[in-house]
N, C-alpha and C. Protein backbone atom coordinates (compact mmCIF):
# COMPACT_ATOMS: atom_id res chain seq x y z
N MET A 1 -22.16 -10.48 -39.73
CA MET A 1 -22.49 -9.00 -40.04
C MET A 1 -22.46 -9.03 -41.71
N THR A 2 -23.54 -8.25 -42.10
CA THR A 2 -23.66 -8.17 -43.39
C THR A 2 -22.73 -7.13 -43.96
N LEU A 3 -21.91 -7.29 -44.90
CA LEU A 3 -21.03 -6.38 -45.37
C LEU A 3 -21.52 -5.72 -46.48
N LYS A 4 -21.44 -4.28 -46.25
CA LYS A 4 -21.83 -3.21 -47.08
C LYS A 4 -20.93 -3.38 -48.18
N TYR A 5 -19.79 -3.44 -47.94
CA TYR A 5 -18.58 -3.27 -49.02
C TYR A 5 -17.99 -4.66 -49.06
N ARG A 6 -18.18 -5.13 -50.36
CA ARG A 6 -17.22 -6.66 -50.53
C ARG A 6 -16.50 -6.36 -51.66
N TYR A 7 -15.31 -6.53 -51.60
CA TYR A 7 -14.12 -6.38 -52.69
C TYR A 7 -13.63 -7.58 -53.40
N LYS A 8 -13.36 -7.41 -54.63
CA LYS A 8 -12.51 -8.55 -55.35
C LYS A 8 -11.19 -8.32 -55.08
N LYS A 9 -10.68 -9.36 -54.28
CA LYS A 9 -9.45 -9.20 -53.51
C LYS A 9 -8.24 -10.01 -54.43
N THR A 10 -8.60 -10.51 -55.54
CA THR A 10 -7.65 -11.28 -56.25
C THR A 10 -7.52 -10.64 -57.76
N LEU A 11 -6.48 -10.79 -58.47
CA LEU A 11 -6.63 -10.49 -59.85
C LEU A 11 -7.34 -11.55 -60.75
N ALA A 12 -7.84 -10.90 -61.80
CA ALA A 12 -8.45 -11.83 -62.59
C ALA A 12 -7.43 -13.03 -63.36
N LYS A 13 -7.79 -14.37 -63.38
CA LYS A 13 -7.12 -15.28 -63.57
C LYS A 13 -6.75 -15.38 -65.18
N LYS A 14 -7.70 -15.09 -65.69
CA LYS A 14 -7.42 -14.99 -67.47
C LYS A 14 -7.17 -13.74 -68.04
N GLY A 15 -6.49 -13.89 -69.13
CA GLY A 15 -6.31 -12.41 -69.60
C GLY A 15 -5.15 -11.71 -69.36
N LEU A 16 -4.56 -11.87 -68.14
CA LEU A 16 -3.38 -11.13 -67.67
C LEU A 16 -1.81 -11.84 -67.94
N SER A 17 -1.05 -11.34 -68.53
CA SER A 17 0.41 -11.94 -68.81
C SER A 17 0.96 -11.55 -67.35
N HIS A 18 2.22 -12.39 -67.05
CA HIS A 18 2.90 -12.12 -66.06
C HIS A 18 3.32 -10.42 -65.75
N ALA A 19 3.66 -10.00 -67.01
CA ALA A 19 4.11 -8.66 -66.84
C ALA A 19 2.88 -7.69 -66.56
N ASP A 20 1.74 -8.15 -66.92
CA ASP A 20 0.53 -7.29 -66.90
C ASP A 20 0.22 -7.40 -65.31
N ARG A 21 0.28 -8.52 -64.57
CA ARG A 21 0.06 -8.52 -63.20
C ARG A 21 1.21 -7.95 -62.32
N ILE A 22 2.49 -7.85 -62.70
CA ILE A 22 3.35 -7.23 -62.26
C ILE A 22 2.88 -5.58 -62.15
N ASP A 23 2.60 -5.27 -63.36
CA ASP A 23 2.19 -3.92 -63.52
C ASP A 23 0.79 -3.54 -62.44
N ALA A 24 0.07 -4.67 -62.34
CA ALA A 24 -1.19 -4.50 -61.60
C ALA A 24 -0.67 -4.16 -60.19
N TYR A 25 0.25 -5.06 -59.61
CA TYR A 25 0.69 -4.95 -58.27
C TYR A 25 1.39 -3.54 -58.12
N GLU A 26 2.15 -3.16 -59.01
CA GLU A 26 2.82 -2.00 -58.83
C GLU A 26 1.82 -0.66 -58.86
N ASN A 27 0.92 -0.93 -59.62
CA ASN A 27 -0.27 0.13 -59.36
C ASN A 27 -1.04 0.30 -58.05
N ALA A 28 -1.21 -0.96 -57.55
CA ALA A 28 -1.77 -1.10 -56.29
C ALA A 28 -0.90 -0.25 -55.44
N GLY A 29 0.42 -0.76 -55.41
CA GLY A 29 1.42 0.05 -54.34
C GLY A 29 1.44 1.40 -54.72
N THR A 30 1.24 2.27 -55.86
CA THR A 30 1.47 3.37 -55.94
C THR A 30 -0.05 4.06 -55.28
N LEU A 31 -1.17 3.39 -55.66
CA LEU A 31 -2.45 3.92 -55.00
C LEU A 31 -2.36 3.83 -53.39
N GLN A 32 -1.59 2.87 -52.95
CA GLN A 32 -1.54 2.82 -51.50
C GLN A 32 -0.95 3.92 -50.91
N LYS A 33 0.25 4.12 -51.83
CA LYS A 33 1.26 5.29 -51.24
C LYS A 33 0.75 6.55 -51.23
N ILE A 34 -0.26 6.98 -52.30
CA ILE A 34 -1.14 8.25 -52.29
C ILE A 34 -2.18 8.24 -51.11
N ASN A 35 -2.53 6.98 -50.69
CA ASN A 35 -3.70 7.00 -49.68
C ASN A 35 -3.14 6.36 -48.53
N THR A 36 -1.83 6.52 -48.38
CA THR A 36 -1.30 5.92 -46.99
C THR A 36 -1.93 6.23 -45.59
N GLU A 37 -2.53 7.54 -45.71
CA GLU A 37 -2.98 8.02 -44.49
C GLU A 37 -4.42 7.15 -43.94
N LEU A 38 -4.98 6.45 -45.04
CA LEU A 38 -6.14 5.84 -44.62
C LEU A 38 -5.77 4.48 -44.28
N VAL A 39 -4.51 3.95 -44.63
CA VAL A 39 -4.39 2.55 -44.35
C VAL A 39 -2.88 2.44 -43.61
N PRO A 40 -2.80 3.03 -42.48
CA PRO A 40 -1.43 3.18 -41.75
C PRO A 40 -1.04 1.57 -41.28
N ASP A 41 -1.95 0.68 -41.07
CA ASP A 41 -1.75 -0.80 -40.74
C ASP A 41 -2.04 -1.61 -41.74
N ALA A 42 -1.91 -1.36 -42.93
CA ALA A 42 -2.22 -2.24 -44.14
C ALA A 42 -1.11 -3.27 -43.76
N PRO A 43 -1.32 -4.58 -44.04
CA PRO A 43 -0.54 -5.89 -44.07
C PRO A 43 0.80 -5.68 -44.89
N GLN A 44 0.86 -5.27 -45.93
CA GLN A 44 1.62 -5.19 -46.98
C GLN A 44 1.87 -3.62 -47.47
N LEU A 45 2.84 -3.05 -46.65
CA LEU A 45 3.13 -1.33 -47.11
C LEU A 45 3.48 -1.14 -48.57
N PHE A 46 3.14 0.09 -49.13
CA PHE A 46 3.77 0.27 -50.32
C PHE A 46 5.17 0.06 -50.68
N SER A 47 6.00 0.41 -49.66
CA SER A 47 7.50 0.12 -49.77
C SER A 47 7.57 -1.40 -50.02
N GLU A 48 7.27 -2.17 -49.16
CA GLU A 48 7.50 -3.66 -49.62
C GLU A 48 6.97 -4.12 -50.88
N ILE A 49 5.84 -3.38 -51.51
CA ILE A 49 5.42 -3.79 -52.61
C ILE A 49 6.36 -3.31 -53.77
N GLY A 50 6.77 -2.30 -53.61
CA GLY A 50 7.80 -1.63 -54.52
C GLY A 50 8.86 -2.47 -54.66
N VAL A 51 9.53 -2.94 -53.51
CA VAL A 51 10.67 -3.62 -53.73
C VAL A 51 10.42 -5.13 -54.33
N THR A 52 9.38 -5.66 -54.17
CA THR A 52 8.78 -7.03 -54.44
C THR A 52 8.70 -6.74 -56.01
N VAL A 53 8.26 -5.72 -56.30
CA VAL A 53 7.76 -5.53 -57.98
C VAL A 53 9.04 -5.57 -58.52
N ILE A 54 10.01 -4.67 -58.21
CA ILE A 54 11.39 -4.72 -58.97
C ILE A 54 11.98 -5.97 -58.96
N LYS A 55 11.89 -6.61 -57.86
CA LYS A 55 12.72 -7.89 -57.78
C LYS A 55 12.00 -9.04 -58.81
N ALA A 56 10.56 -8.93 -58.85
CA ALA A 56 9.70 -9.87 -59.84
C ALA A 56 10.08 -9.42 -61.10
N ARG A 57 10.15 -8.20 -61.39
CA ARG A 57 10.40 -7.82 -62.95
C ARG A 57 11.96 -8.19 -63.23
N VAL A 58 12.79 -7.84 -62.66
CA VAL A 58 14.21 -8.38 -62.81
C VAL A 58 14.26 -9.98 -63.17
N ASN A 59 13.49 -10.50 -62.25
CA ASN A 59 13.66 -11.98 -62.36
C ASN A 59 12.95 -12.78 -63.47
N LEU A 60 11.73 -11.86 -63.91
CA LEU A 60 11.16 -12.42 -65.06
C LEU A 60 11.79 -12.32 -66.18
N GLU A 61 12.63 -11.27 -66.39
CA GLU A 61 13.47 -11.01 -67.66
C GLU A 61 14.72 -12.11 -67.46
N LEU A 62 15.17 -12.37 -66.29
CA LEU A 62 16.40 -13.47 -66.26
C LEU A 62 15.47 -14.84 -66.79
N TRP A 63 14.49 -14.93 -66.04
CA TRP A 63 13.73 -16.39 -66.56
C TRP A 63 13.48 -16.40 -68.01
N GLN A 64 13.15 -15.29 -68.61
CA GLN A 64 12.74 -15.29 -70.19
C GLN A 64 14.03 -15.62 -70.88
N ASN A 65 15.29 -15.06 -70.38
CA ASN A 65 16.38 -15.42 -70.77
C ASN A 65 17.08 -16.79 -70.60
N GLY A 66 16.43 -17.59 -69.84
CA GLY A 66 16.71 -18.81 -69.74
C GLY A 66 17.19 -19.32 -68.39
N SER A 67 17.21 -18.60 -67.28
CA SER A 67 17.59 -18.86 -66.08
C SER A 67 16.43 -19.50 -65.18
N LYS A 68 16.54 -20.76 -64.68
CA LYS A 68 15.96 -21.33 -64.13
C LYS A 68 15.60 -21.09 -62.56
N PRO A 69 16.93 -20.69 -61.95
CA PRO A 69 16.97 -20.04 -60.56
C PRO A 69 15.78 -18.84 -60.48
N ALA A 70 15.80 -18.05 -61.74
CA ALA A 70 15.36 -16.99 -61.70
C ALA A 70 13.78 -17.09 -61.66
N LYS A 71 13.02 -18.01 -62.33
CA LYS A 71 11.72 -18.69 -62.31
C LYS A 71 11.49 -18.63 -61.09
N THR A 72 12.05 -19.49 -60.14
CA THR A 72 11.53 -19.66 -58.92
C THR A 72 11.46 -18.58 -57.90
N THR A 73 12.44 -17.73 -58.11
CA THR A 73 12.49 -16.51 -57.35
C THR A 73 11.19 -15.56 -57.94
N PHE A 74 11.17 -15.49 -59.05
CA PHE A 74 10.22 -14.70 -59.84
C PHE A 74 8.75 -15.17 -59.17
N LEU A 75 8.60 -16.37 -59.28
CA LEU A 75 7.22 -17.18 -58.88
C LEU A 75 7.02 -16.91 -57.29
N ASN A 76 8.11 -17.03 -56.59
CA ASN A 76 7.94 -16.55 -55.19
C ASN A 76 7.70 -14.87 -54.97
N CYS A 77 8.09 -14.30 -55.79
CA CYS A 77 7.74 -12.83 -55.67
C CYS A 77 6.29 -12.71 -56.13
N MET A 78 5.84 -13.41 -56.97
CA MET A 78 4.52 -13.29 -57.20
C MET A 78 3.45 -13.60 -56.22
N ILE A 79 3.68 -14.89 -55.59
CA ILE A 79 3.06 -15.41 -54.37
C ILE A 79 3.22 -14.40 -53.31
N THR A 80 4.27 -13.64 -53.31
CA THR A 80 4.29 -12.54 -52.01
C THR A 80 3.22 -11.58 -52.54
N LEU A 81 3.06 -11.14 -53.72
CA LEU A 81 2.39 -9.82 -54.18
C LEU A 81 0.98 -10.35 -54.14
N LYS A 82 0.68 -11.75 -54.38
CA LYS A 82 -0.48 -11.94 -54.40
C LYS A 82 -1.34 -12.08 -52.98
N ASP A 83 -0.58 -12.67 -52.07
CA ASP A 83 -0.93 -12.69 -50.58
C ASP A 83 -1.26 -11.39 -49.85
N GLY A 84 -0.13 -10.52 -50.37
CA GLY A 84 -0.19 -9.17 -49.83
C GLY A 84 -1.57 -8.38 -50.39
N TYR A 85 -1.57 -8.53 -51.74
CA TYR A 85 -2.87 -7.91 -52.16
C TYR A 85 -4.17 -8.53 -51.64
N TYR A 86 -4.23 -9.73 -51.27
CA TYR A 86 -5.33 -10.20 -50.67
C TYR A 86 -5.34 -9.80 -49.30
N LYS A 87 -4.33 -9.85 -48.56
CA LYS A 87 -4.36 -9.57 -47.14
C LYS A 87 -4.86 -7.93 -46.96
N ASN A 88 -4.32 -7.25 -48.04
CA ASN A 88 -4.62 -5.79 -48.09
C ASN A 88 -6.21 -5.53 -48.03
N GLY A 89 -6.78 -6.12 -49.19
CA GLY A 89 -7.99 -6.28 -49.61
C GLY A 89 -8.79 -6.73 -48.44
N MET A 90 -8.67 -7.65 -47.80
CA MET A 90 -9.16 -8.05 -46.31
C MET A 90 -9.38 -6.96 -45.48
N TYR A 91 -8.18 -6.09 -45.08
CA TYR A 91 -7.84 -5.05 -44.34
C TYR A 91 -8.82 -4.09 -44.65
N PHE A 92 -8.84 -3.58 -45.79
CA PHE A 92 -9.58 -2.31 -46.29
C PHE A 92 -11.14 -2.83 -46.18
N GLU A 93 -11.32 -3.89 -46.77
CA GLU A 93 -12.74 -4.23 -46.42
C GLU A 93 -13.37 -4.12 -44.88
N SER A 94 -12.64 -4.66 -44.05
CA SER A 94 -12.94 -4.65 -42.97
C SER A 94 -13.15 -3.03 -42.25
N VAL A 95 -12.09 -2.31 -42.56
CA VAL A 95 -12.12 -0.87 -42.21
C VAL A 95 -13.04 -0.36 -42.88
N ALA A 96 -13.27 -0.44 -44.39
CA ALA A 96 -14.48 0.27 -45.00
C ALA A 96 -15.85 -0.16 -44.42
N ASN A 97 -16.16 -1.21 -43.78
CA ASN A 97 -17.39 -1.66 -43.18
C ASN A 97 -17.34 -1.14 -41.78
N ASP A 98 -16.22 -1.19 -40.92
CA ASP A 98 -16.41 -0.61 -39.71
C ASP A 98 -16.76 0.79 -39.78
N THR A 99 -15.97 1.57 -40.60
CA THR A 99 -16.15 3.11 -40.61
C THR A 99 -16.88 3.51 -41.55
N ASP A 100 -17.70 2.93 -42.36
CA ASP A 100 -18.57 3.04 -43.42
C ASP A 100 -17.85 4.27 -44.25
N ASN A 101 -16.65 3.79 -44.62
CA ASN A 101 -15.74 4.77 -45.37
C ASN A 101 -15.76 4.39 -46.93
N ALA A 102 -16.55 4.96 -47.57
CA ALA A 102 -16.81 4.69 -49.10
C ALA A 102 -15.54 5.02 -49.99
N GLU A 103 -14.75 6.01 -49.37
CA GLU A 103 -13.35 6.45 -50.03
C GLU A 103 -12.56 5.27 -50.32
N LEU A 104 -12.60 4.20 -49.34
CA LEU A 104 -11.80 2.98 -49.53
C LEU A 104 -12.15 2.36 -50.88
N ASN A 105 -13.18 2.40 -51.57
CA ASN A 105 -14.03 1.88 -52.81
C ASN A 105 -12.76 1.95 -53.65
N ASP A 106 -12.12 3.18 -53.81
CA ASP A 106 -11.16 3.36 -54.85
C ASP A 106 -9.71 3.06 -54.44
N LEU A 107 -9.77 2.50 -53.27
CA LEU A 107 -8.28 2.30 -52.52
C LEU A 107 -7.66 1.16 -53.15
N LEU A 108 -6.16 1.24 -53.64
CA LEU A 108 -5.81 0.23 -54.39
C LEU A 108 -6.42 -0.53 -55.74
N GLY A 109 -7.55 0.27 -55.82
CA GLY A 109 -8.23 -0.38 -57.37
C GLY A 109 -8.99 -1.44 -57.09
N TYR A 110 -9.05 -1.89 -56.01
CA TYR A 110 -10.12 -3.14 -55.63
C TYR A 110 -11.58 -2.75 -56.33
N GLU A 111 -11.97 -3.93 -56.85
CA GLU A 111 -13.44 -3.52 -57.30
C GLU A 111 -14.37 -4.29 -56.43
N LEU A 112 -15.53 -3.60 -56.20
CA LEU A 112 -16.59 -3.93 -55.44
C LEU A 112 -17.35 -5.18 -56.22
N TYR A 113 -17.68 -6.26 -55.47
CA TYR A 113 -18.71 -7.23 -56.25
C TYR A 113 -19.85 -6.37 -56.64
N ALA A 114 -20.27 -6.91 -57.91
CA ALA A 114 -21.46 -6.32 -58.27
C ALA A 114 -22.99 -6.54 -57.38
N LYS A 115 -23.42 -5.66 -57.05
CA LYS A 115 -24.64 -5.84 -56.04
C LYS A 115 -25.88 -6.04 -56.90
N THR A 116 -26.56 -7.09 -56.92
CA THR A 116 -28.05 -7.29 -57.43
C THR A 116 -28.96 -6.93 -56.44
N VAL A 117 -29.50 -5.92 -56.77
CA VAL A 117 -30.71 -5.15 -56.03
C VAL A 117 -31.98 -5.75 -56.50
N LYS A 118 -32.61 -6.67 -55.97
CA LYS A 118 -33.57 -7.15 -56.51
C LYS A 118 -35.04 -6.21 -55.92
N PRO A 119 -35.78 -5.91 -57.00
CA PRO A 119 -36.95 -4.96 -56.40
C PRO A 119 -37.85 -5.74 -55.40
N PRO A 120 -38.41 -5.06 -54.53
CA PRO A 120 -39.27 -5.72 -53.50
C PRO A 120 -40.67 -6.34 -54.15
N LYS A 121 -40.85 -7.51 -53.77
CA LYS A 121 -41.97 -8.01 -54.13
C LYS A 121 -43.34 -7.47 -54.08
N ALA A 122 -44.01 -7.11 -54.84
CA ALA A 122 -45.36 -6.13 -54.59
C ALA A 122 -46.24 -7.19 -53.72
N PRO A 123 -47.14 -6.34 -52.77
CA PRO A 123 -47.85 -7.35 -51.97
C PRO A 123 -48.86 -7.99 -52.45
N LEU A 124 -49.17 -7.59 -53.76
CA LEU A 124 -50.37 -8.16 -54.47
C LEU A 124 -50.56 -7.74 -55.77
N THR A 125 -50.45 -8.54 -56.82
CA THR A 125 -50.60 -8.59 -58.06
C THR A 125 -51.57 -9.51 -58.75
N ILE A 126 -52.27 -8.85 -59.76
CA ILE A 126 -53.54 -9.30 -60.45
C ILE A 126 -53.53 -9.33 -61.74
N THR A 127 -53.52 -10.56 -62.56
CA THR A 127 -53.48 -10.59 -64.08
C THR A 127 -54.94 -11.14 -64.34
N ASN A 128 -55.24 -10.81 -65.81
CA ASN A 128 -56.13 -11.42 -66.38
C ASN A 128 -55.90 -12.93 -66.75
N THR A 129 -56.67 -13.66 -66.89
CA THR A 129 -56.82 -15.17 -67.15
C THR A 129 -57.49 -15.33 -68.68
N VAL A 130 -57.25 -16.35 -68.88
CA VAL A 130 -58.08 -16.83 -70.54
C VAL A 130 -59.59 -16.76 -70.21
N PHE A 131 -59.91 -16.83 -69.12
CA PHE A 131 -61.51 -17.12 -68.63
C PHE A 131 -62.05 -15.73 -68.49
N LEU A 132 -63.20 -15.47 -69.06
CA LEU A 132 -63.68 -14.12 -69.06
C LEU A 132 -64.25 -13.71 -67.46
N GLY A 133 -63.90 -12.76 -67.12
CA GLY A 133 -64.38 -12.51 -65.96
C GLY A 133 -63.61 -13.13 -64.66
N VAL A 134 -62.46 -13.73 -64.87
CA VAL A 134 -61.80 -14.54 -63.96
C VAL A 134 -60.23 -13.76 -63.76
N LEU A 135 -59.80 -13.49 -62.64
CA LEU A 135 -58.77 -12.97 -62.46
C LEU A 135 -57.72 -13.84 -61.57
N TYR A 136 -56.40 -13.65 -61.71
CA TYR A 136 -55.43 -14.59 -61.00
C TYR A 136 -54.59 -13.68 -60.08
N PHE A 137 -54.85 -14.23 -58.95
CA PHE A 137 -54.27 -13.42 -57.89
C PHE A 137 -52.94 -14.00 -57.39
N VAL A 138 -51.84 -13.23 -57.04
CA VAL A 138 -50.80 -13.56 -56.14
C VAL A 138 -50.34 -12.70 -55.09
N ILE A 139 -50.35 -13.02 -53.95
CA ILE A 139 -50.29 -12.30 -52.60
C ILE A 139 -49.19 -12.62 -52.11
N LEU A 140 -48.30 -11.61 -51.50
CA LEU A 140 -47.10 -11.81 -50.95
C LEU A 140 -47.59 -12.71 -49.53
N ALA A 141 -47.21 -13.80 -49.56
CA ALA A 141 -47.53 -14.64 -48.47
C ALA A 141 -47.17 -14.16 -46.83
N ILE A 142 -48.05 -14.30 -46.26
CA ILE A 142 -48.01 -13.92 -44.64
C ILE A 142 -48.03 -15.03 -43.80
N LYS A 143 -47.08 -15.21 -42.97
CA LYS A 143 -46.90 -16.19 -42.23
C LYS A 143 -48.19 -16.40 -41.17
N ARG A 144 -48.64 -17.74 -41.17
CA ARG A 144 -49.73 -18.13 -40.31
C ARG A 144 -51.10 -17.49 -40.95
N ALA A 145 -51.10 -17.03 -41.84
CA ALA A 145 -52.69 -16.66 -42.72
C ALA A 145 -53.35 -17.92 -42.86
N LYS A 146 -54.73 -17.71 -42.50
CA LYS A 146 -55.62 -18.77 -42.50
C LYS A 146 -56.20 -18.65 -43.89
N PHE A 147 -56.60 -17.35 -44.19
CA PHE A 147 -57.17 -17.13 -45.54
C PHE A 147 -57.10 -15.38 -45.80
N TYR A 148 -57.33 -15.19 -47.02
CA TYR A 148 -57.28 -13.72 -47.31
C TYR A 148 -58.52 -13.23 -47.79
N ASN A 149 -59.18 -12.04 -47.15
CA ASN A 149 -60.24 -11.41 -47.58
C ASN A 149 -59.88 -10.51 -48.94
N ILE A 150 -60.91 -10.38 -49.66
CA ILE A 150 -60.67 -9.73 -51.09
C ILE A 150 -61.68 -8.61 -51.02
N GLU A 151 -61.28 -7.30 -51.23
CA GLU A 151 -62.42 -6.18 -51.15
C GLU A 151 -62.27 -5.64 -52.70
N VAL A 152 -63.36 -5.45 -53.28
CA VAL A 152 -63.58 -5.06 -54.70
C VAL A 152 -64.28 -3.92 -54.81
N THR A 153 -63.76 -2.76 -55.39
CA THR A 153 -64.71 -1.78 -55.68
C THR A 153 -64.49 -1.43 -57.06
N LEU A 154 -65.91 -1.10 -57.64
CA LEU A 154 -66.09 -0.95 -59.17
C LEU A 154 -65.87 0.58 -59.32
N VAL A 155 -65.12 0.78 -60.50
CA VAL A 155 -64.94 2.33 -60.88
C VAL A 155 -65.83 2.59 -62.15
N THR A 156 -66.50 3.31 -62.26
CA THR A 156 -67.58 3.63 -63.31
C THR A 156 -66.98 5.20 -63.91
N ASP A 157 -66.64 5.36 -64.96
CA ASP A 157 -66.30 6.81 -65.25
C ASP A 157 -65.52 7.32 -64.25
N GLY A 158 -64.53 6.88 -63.98
CA GLY A 158 -63.72 7.43 -62.69
C GLY A 158 -64.22 7.63 -61.28
N VAL A 159 -65.30 7.23 -61.07
CA VAL A 159 -66.16 7.24 -59.84
C VAL A 159 -65.92 5.92 -59.02
N SER A 160 -65.58 5.89 -57.80
CA SER A 160 -65.67 4.60 -57.38
C SER A 160 -66.96 4.22 -56.64
N GLY A 161 -67.31 3.05 -56.68
CA GLY A 161 -68.53 2.52 -56.02
C GLY A 161 -68.44 2.08 -54.66
N THR A 162 -69.18 1.29 -54.05
CA THR A 162 -69.35 1.13 -52.68
C THR A 162 -68.50 -0.26 -52.84
N PRO A 163 -67.17 -0.34 -51.87
CA PRO A 163 -66.36 -1.57 -51.76
C PRO A 163 -67.25 -2.80 -51.45
N VAL A 164 -67.13 -4.13 -51.91
CA VAL A 164 -67.75 -5.29 -51.50
C VAL A 164 -66.76 -6.30 -51.15
N LEU A 165 -67.07 -7.31 -50.51
CA LEU A 165 -66.20 -8.50 -50.32
C LEU A 165 -66.59 -9.56 -51.20
N PHE A 166 -65.49 -10.20 -51.96
CA PHE A 166 -65.72 -11.21 -52.56
C PHE A 166 -65.50 -12.65 -51.88
N PRO A 167 -65.72 -13.72 -52.31
CA PRO A 167 -65.11 -14.80 -51.65
C PRO A 167 -63.80 -14.92 -51.15
N SER A 168 -63.48 -15.40 -50.17
CA SER A 168 -62.16 -15.47 -49.67
C SER A 168 -61.20 -16.15 -50.55
N LEU A 169 -59.98 -16.02 -50.51
CA LEU A 169 -59.11 -16.95 -51.18
C LEU A 169 -58.08 -17.73 -49.98
N TYR A 170 -57.97 -18.88 -50.08
CA TYR A 170 -57.27 -19.83 -48.86
C TYR A 170 -56.01 -19.99 -49.34
N LYS A 171 -55.46 -19.40 -50.40
CA LYS A 171 -54.12 -19.84 -50.68
C LYS A 171 -53.55 -18.40 -50.92
N ALA A 172 -52.15 -18.31 -51.03
CA ALA A 172 -51.59 -17.15 -51.38
C ALA A 172 -51.59 -16.61 -53.01
N SER A 173 -52.42 -17.62 -53.95
CA SER A 173 -52.24 -17.66 -54.95
C SER A 173 -53.40 -18.35 -55.68
N GLY A 174 -54.13 -17.82 -56.74
CA GLY A 174 -55.16 -18.49 -57.33
C GLY A 174 -55.99 -17.54 -58.21
N ASN A 175 -57.19 -18.48 -58.88
CA ASN A 175 -58.17 -17.67 -59.77
C ASN A 175 -59.39 -17.28 -58.95
N VAL A 176 -59.90 -15.98 -59.00
CA VAL A 176 -60.95 -15.75 -58.42
C VAL A 176 -61.91 -15.15 -59.40
N ALA A 177 -63.35 -15.60 -59.26
CA ALA A 177 -64.25 -15.59 -60.60
C ALA A 177 -65.21 -14.34 -59.93
N GLY A 178 -66.07 -14.08 -61.04
CA GLY A 178 -67.19 -13.17 -60.39
C GLY A 178 -67.15 -11.63 -60.97
N PHE A 179 -65.94 -11.61 -61.83
CA PHE A 179 -65.80 -10.09 -62.11
C PHE A 179 -66.59 -9.82 -63.58
N THR A 180 -66.60 -8.45 -63.81
CA THR A 180 -67.66 -8.32 -65.08
C THR A 180 -66.75 -7.74 -66.19
N SER A 181 -66.63 -8.63 -67.22
CA SER A 181 -65.76 -8.25 -68.41
C SER A 181 -65.92 -6.87 -68.91
N GLY A 182 -64.73 -6.35 -68.94
CA GLY A 182 -64.52 -4.97 -69.63
C GLY A 182 -64.62 -3.80 -68.38
N ALA A 183 -64.95 -4.31 -67.25
CA ALA A 183 -65.06 -3.37 -66.16
C ALA A 183 -63.50 -3.22 -65.40
N LYS A 184 -63.74 -1.78 -64.65
CA LYS A 184 -62.42 -1.68 -64.11
C LYS A 184 -62.65 -1.68 -62.43
N TYR A 185 -61.76 -2.35 -61.79
CA TYR A 185 -61.76 -2.59 -60.29
C TYR A 185 -60.52 -2.01 -59.66
N LEU A 186 -60.88 -1.64 -58.47
CA LEU A 186 -59.79 -1.38 -57.37
C LEU A 186 -60.02 -2.45 -56.33
N ILE A 187 -58.95 -3.41 -56.17
CA ILE A 187 -58.87 -4.37 -55.19
C ILE A 187 -57.78 -4.27 -54.14
N ARG A 188 -57.98 -4.86 -53.19
CA ARG A 188 -56.99 -4.96 -52.05
C ARG A 188 -57.44 -6.24 -51.31
N VAL A 189 -56.44 -6.69 -50.75
CA VAL A 189 -56.57 -7.85 -49.83
C VAL A 189 -56.18 -7.75 -48.34
N GLN A 190 -56.57 -8.57 -47.52
CA GLN A 190 -56.27 -8.45 -46.03
C GLN A 190 -56.20 -10.12 -45.65
N ALA A 191 -54.99 -10.36 -45.00
CA ALA A 191 -54.61 -11.76 -44.49
C ALA A 191 -55.60 -11.99 -42.88
N ILE A 192 -56.21 -12.91 -42.70
CA ILE A 192 -56.85 -13.14 -41.54
C ILE A 192 -55.73 -14.46 -40.92
N LEU A 193 -55.33 -14.40 -39.68
CA LEU A 193 -54.29 -15.19 -39.31
C LEU A 193 -54.91 -16.24 -38.56
N THR A 194 -54.04 -17.02 -38.23
CA THR A 194 -54.66 -18.42 -37.46
C THR A 194 -54.95 -17.91 -36.08
N ASN A 195 -54.58 -16.92 -35.43
CA ASN A 195 -54.70 -16.64 -34.28
C ASN A 195 -55.88 -15.65 -33.99
N GLY A 196 -56.62 -15.49 -35.09
CA GLY A 196 -57.56 -14.54 -35.31
C GLY A 196 -57.26 -13.17 -35.51
N ASN A 197 -56.02 -12.55 -35.39
CA ASN A 197 -55.70 -11.28 -35.85
C ASN A 197 -55.85 -11.13 -37.55
N VAL A 198 -55.83 -9.78 -37.70
CA VAL A 198 -55.85 -9.65 -39.07
C VAL A 198 -54.46 -8.69 -39.56
N SER A 199 -54.27 -8.70 -40.70
CA SER A 199 -53.10 -7.94 -41.33
C SER A 199 -53.59 -6.71 -41.87
N GLU A 200 -52.67 -5.64 -42.12
CA GLU A 200 -53.02 -4.56 -42.68
C GLU A 200 -53.56 -4.78 -44.35
N TRP A 201 -54.58 -4.02 -44.87
CA TRP A 201 -54.82 -4.14 -46.26
C TRP A 201 -53.62 -3.70 -47.22
N THR A 202 -53.63 -4.69 -48.29
CA THR A 202 -52.59 -4.19 -49.20
C THR A 202 -53.03 -2.96 -49.88
N PRO A 203 -52.00 -2.27 -50.43
CA PRO A 203 -52.23 -0.99 -51.25
C PRO A 203 -53.33 -1.71 -52.50
N TYR A 204 -54.36 -0.51 -52.96
CA TYR A 204 -55.23 -1.03 -53.92
C TYR A 204 -54.16 -1.41 -55.17
N VAL A 205 -54.82 -2.26 -55.96
CA VAL A 205 -54.42 -2.46 -57.29
C VAL A 205 -55.57 -2.34 -58.35
N ALA A 206 -55.40 -1.54 -59.25
CA ALA A 206 -56.32 -1.22 -60.17
C ALA A 206 -56.26 -2.23 -61.57
N VAL A 207 -57.34 -2.78 -61.85
CA VAL A 207 -57.25 -3.75 -63.06
C VAL A 207 -58.48 -3.78 -63.76
N ARG A 208 -58.44 -3.82 -65.19
CA ARG A 208 -59.50 -3.79 -66.28
C ARG A 208 -59.75 -5.40 -66.56
N VAL A 209 -60.72 -5.76 -66.40
CA VAL A 209 -61.05 -7.30 -66.60
C VAL A 209 -61.30 -7.59 -68.23
N ASN A 210 -60.55 -8.57 -68.56
CA ASN A 210 -60.90 -8.77 -69.84
C ASN A 210 -62.37 -9.40 -69.93
């Protein structure tokens, strides 16, 4: 299943002191308490977080004052908080995706992973080349395409002429010659498949030739 919501379920490893981490877990517990009706079955309940946070804070101070046993207790508390934070995140992520509950985005302060939305590739792009009257075509490749028909319409003073077919392109990219320098064209392509079927024409691309 493709997850719509994916959370960062661990705290940043750099830039946070022990005290900062305790505060972060405490804040998470506070948020969970506020939103507890949305997460009745969370693996680590806000009450458990609160108790562990207090224990961690007390033992951190004792450790800083020289107590070695307190160090061990503190580190165990932090492991408990880290594990609970992660398990809660897994639970919230699952619920958010199962119920499409965007409200869970703010729950416990989990950050969503940044989503990189790639714009869809254009079915046809055409650019001028260094050669007069020669255009470079890039077609969004179609499976089992044998070759591509090229339809060209000359536009003069805003009026479109009669479409004509240019020599076919046998690859999804390449140079096509025969255009008039300075002229404007509307161009589209159509794939001819190996089984004899044809694809839809691409949308027109307007280009003025160098």
